[in-house]
C-alpha atoms as a PDB file:
ATOM      1  CA  MET A   1      -2.011 -89.789 -81.769  1.00  0.00           C
ATOM      2  CA  ASN A   2       0.101 -92.853 -80.938  1.00  0.00           C
ATOM      3  CA  LYS A   3      -1.469 -96.300 -81.039  1.00  0.00           C
ATOM      4  CA  VAL A   4      -1.793 -98.021 -77.677  1.00  0.00           C
ATOM      5  CA  PHE A   5       0.142-101.321 -77.484  1.00  0.00           C
ATOM      6  CA  ILE A   6      -1.994-103.892 -75.661  1.00  0.00           C
ATOM      7  CA  ILE A   7      -0.394-106.885 -73.923  1.00  0.00           C
ATOM      8  CA  ALA A   8      -2.486-109.840 -72.740  1.00  0.00           C
ATOM      9  CA  GLU A   9      -1.057-111.211 -69.471  1.00  0.00           C
ATOM     10  CA  ALA A  10      -1.366-114.998 -69.619  1.00  0.00           C
ATOM     11  CA  GLY A  11       1.051-115.549 -66.729  1.00  0.00           C
ATOM     12  CA  VAL A  12       1.045-119.203 -65.644  1.00  0.00           C
ATOM     13  CA  ASN A  13      -2.561-119.779 -66.710  1.00  0.00           C
ATOM     14  CA  HIS A  14      -1.225-122.312 -69.225  1.00  0.00           C
ATOM     15  CA  ASN A  15      -0.922-124.691 -66.231  1.00  0.00           C
ATOM     16  CA  GLY A  16       2.232-126.180 -67.751  1.00  0.00           C
ATOM     17  CA  SER A  17       0.483-127.150 -70.999  1.00  0.00           C
ATOM     18  CA  ILE A  18       1.890-125.915 -74.309  1.00  0.00           C
ATOM     19  CA  GLU A  19      -1.462-126.743 -75.934  1.00  0.00           C
ATOM     20  CA  LEU A  20      -3.324-124.549 -73.450  1.00  0.00           C
ATOM     21  CA  ALA A  21      -0.728-121.804 -73.981  1.00  0.00           C
ATOM     22  CA  LYS A  22      -1.455-121.927 -77.716  1.00  0.00           C
ATOM     23  CA  LYS A  23      -5.199-121.674 -77.024  1.00  0.00           C
ATOM     24  CA  LEU A  24      -4.572-118.624 -74.852  1.00  0.00           C
ATOM     25  CA  ILE A  25      -2.682-117.067 -77.755  1.00  0.00           C
ATOM     26  CA  ASP A  26      -5.608-117.809 -80.089  1.00  0.00           C
ATOM     27  CA  VAL A  27      -8.035-116.112 -77.691  1.00  0.00           C
ATOM     28  CA  ALA A  28      -5.705-113.122 -77.436  1.00  0.00           C
ATOM     29  CA  VAL A  29      -5.542-112.886 -81.238  1.00  0.00           C
ATOM     30  CA  GLU A  30      -9.352-112.856 -81.352  1.00  0.00           C
ATOM     31  CA  ALA A  31      -9.286-110.021 -78.807  1.00  0.00           C
ATOM     32  CA  LYS A  32      -6.915-108.141 -81.153  1.00  0.00           C
ATOM     33  CA  VAL A  33      -4.130-107.656 -78.618  1.00  0.00           C
ATOM     34  CA  ASP A  34      -0.636-106.816 -79.810  1.00  0.00           C
ATOM     35  CA  ALA A  35       1.274-109.309 -77.665  1.00  0.00           C
ATOM     36  CA  VAL A  36       0.822-112.087 -75.118  1.00  0.00           C
ATOM     37  CA  LYS A  37       3.049-112.327 -72.033  1.00  0.00           C
ATOM     38  CA  PHE A  38       3.672-115.671 -70.337  1.00  0.00           C
ATOM     39  CA  GLN A  39       5.616-116.483 -67.192  1.00  0.00           C
ATOM     40  CA  THR A  40       8.175-119.204 -67.817  1.00  0.00           C
ATOM     41  CA  PHE A  41      10.750-120.559 -65.417  1.00  0.00           C
ATOM     42  CA  LYS A  42      12.515-123.645 -64.139  1.00  0.00           C
ATOM     43  CA  ALA A  43      11.369-124.686 -60.672  1.00  0.00           C
ATOM     44  CA  GLU A  44      14.970-125.497 -59.722  1.00  0.00           C
ATOM     45  CA  ASN A  45      15.887-121.828 -60.259  1.00  0.00           C
ATOM     46  CA  LEU A  46      12.840-120.442 -58.475  1.00  0.00           C
ATOM     47  CA  VAL A  47      12.170-122.371 -55.282  1.00  0.00           C
ATOM     48  CA  SER A  48      14.004-124.652 -52.878  1.00  0.00           C
ATOM     49  CA  LYS A  49      12.930-128.283 -52.791  1.00  0.00           C
ATOM     50  CA  ASN A  50      12.496-127.791 -49.029  1.00  0.00           C
ATOM     51  CA  ALA A  51      10.362-124.627 -49.241  1.00  0.00           C
ATOM     52  CA  GLN A  52       7.074-124.690 -47.385  1.00  0.00           C
ATOM     53  CA  LYS A  53       3.851-123.618 -49.053  1.00  0.00           C
ATOM     54  CA  ALA A  54       2.150-120.416 -47.964  1.00  0.00           C
ATOM     55  CA  ASP A  55      -1.109-120.877 -46.068  1.00  0.00           C
ATOM     56  CA  TYR A  56      -3.217-119.836 -49.069  1.00  0.00           C
ATOM     57  CA  GLN A  57      -1.379-122.386 -51.230  1.00  0.00           C
ATOM     58  CA  LYS A  58      -2.124-125.121 -48.720  1.00  0.00           C
ATOM     59  CA  GLU A  59      -5.813-124.198 -48.841  1.00  0.00           C
ATOM     60  CA  THR A  60      -6.083-124.132 -52.645  1.00  0.00           C
ATOM     61  CA  THR A  61      -3.775-126.970 -53.749  1.00  0.00           C
ATOM     62  CA  ASN A  62      -2.973-130.565 -52.866  1.00  0.00           C
ATOM     63  CA  LYS A  63      -1.852-130.424 -49.234  1.00  0.00           C
ATOM     64  CA  GLU A  64       0.513-133.389 -49.721  1.00  0.00           C
ATOM     65  CA  GLU A  65       2.303-131.748 -52.660  1.00  0.00           C
ATOM     66  CA  SER A  66       5.439-129.690 -51.954  1.00  0.00           C
ATOM     67  CA  GLN A  67       5.785-126.114 -53.153  1.00  0.00           C
ATOM     68  CA  PHE A  68       8.536-127.291 -55.492  1.00  0.00           C
ATOM     69  CA  ASP A  69       6.251-129.909 -57.081  1.00  0.00           C
ATOM     70  CA  MET A  70       3.419-127.386 -57.356  1.00  0.00           C
ATOM     71  CA  ILE A  71       5.702-124.920 -59.186  1.00  0.00           C
ATOM     72  CA  LYS A  72       7.283-127.686 -61.296  1.00  0.00           C
ATOM     73  CA  LYS A  73       3.864-128.467 -62.824  1.00  0.00           C
ATOM     74  CA  LEU A  74       3.670-124.893 -64.151  1.00  0.00           C
ATOM     75  CA  GLU A  75       6.847-125.121 -66.264  1.00  0.00           C
ATOM     76  CA  LEU A  76       6.451-124.878 -70.022  1.00  0.00           C
END
């Protein structure tokens, strides 16, 4: 039987912090996963500086912050 390859999805849960990303890797190692997947991007390539936030984003983040600035904080 083939071994199952398990990937831990960290996504953007590093919150833009390389130190937190490393901690997420450590936790994944403890869980004995085979790989950890992160989402990385440059805000400039992902969203317009004039883009409006979605309603749910307005409710859960700083209302004065633009979508661009919100996404920019999640860059690694």
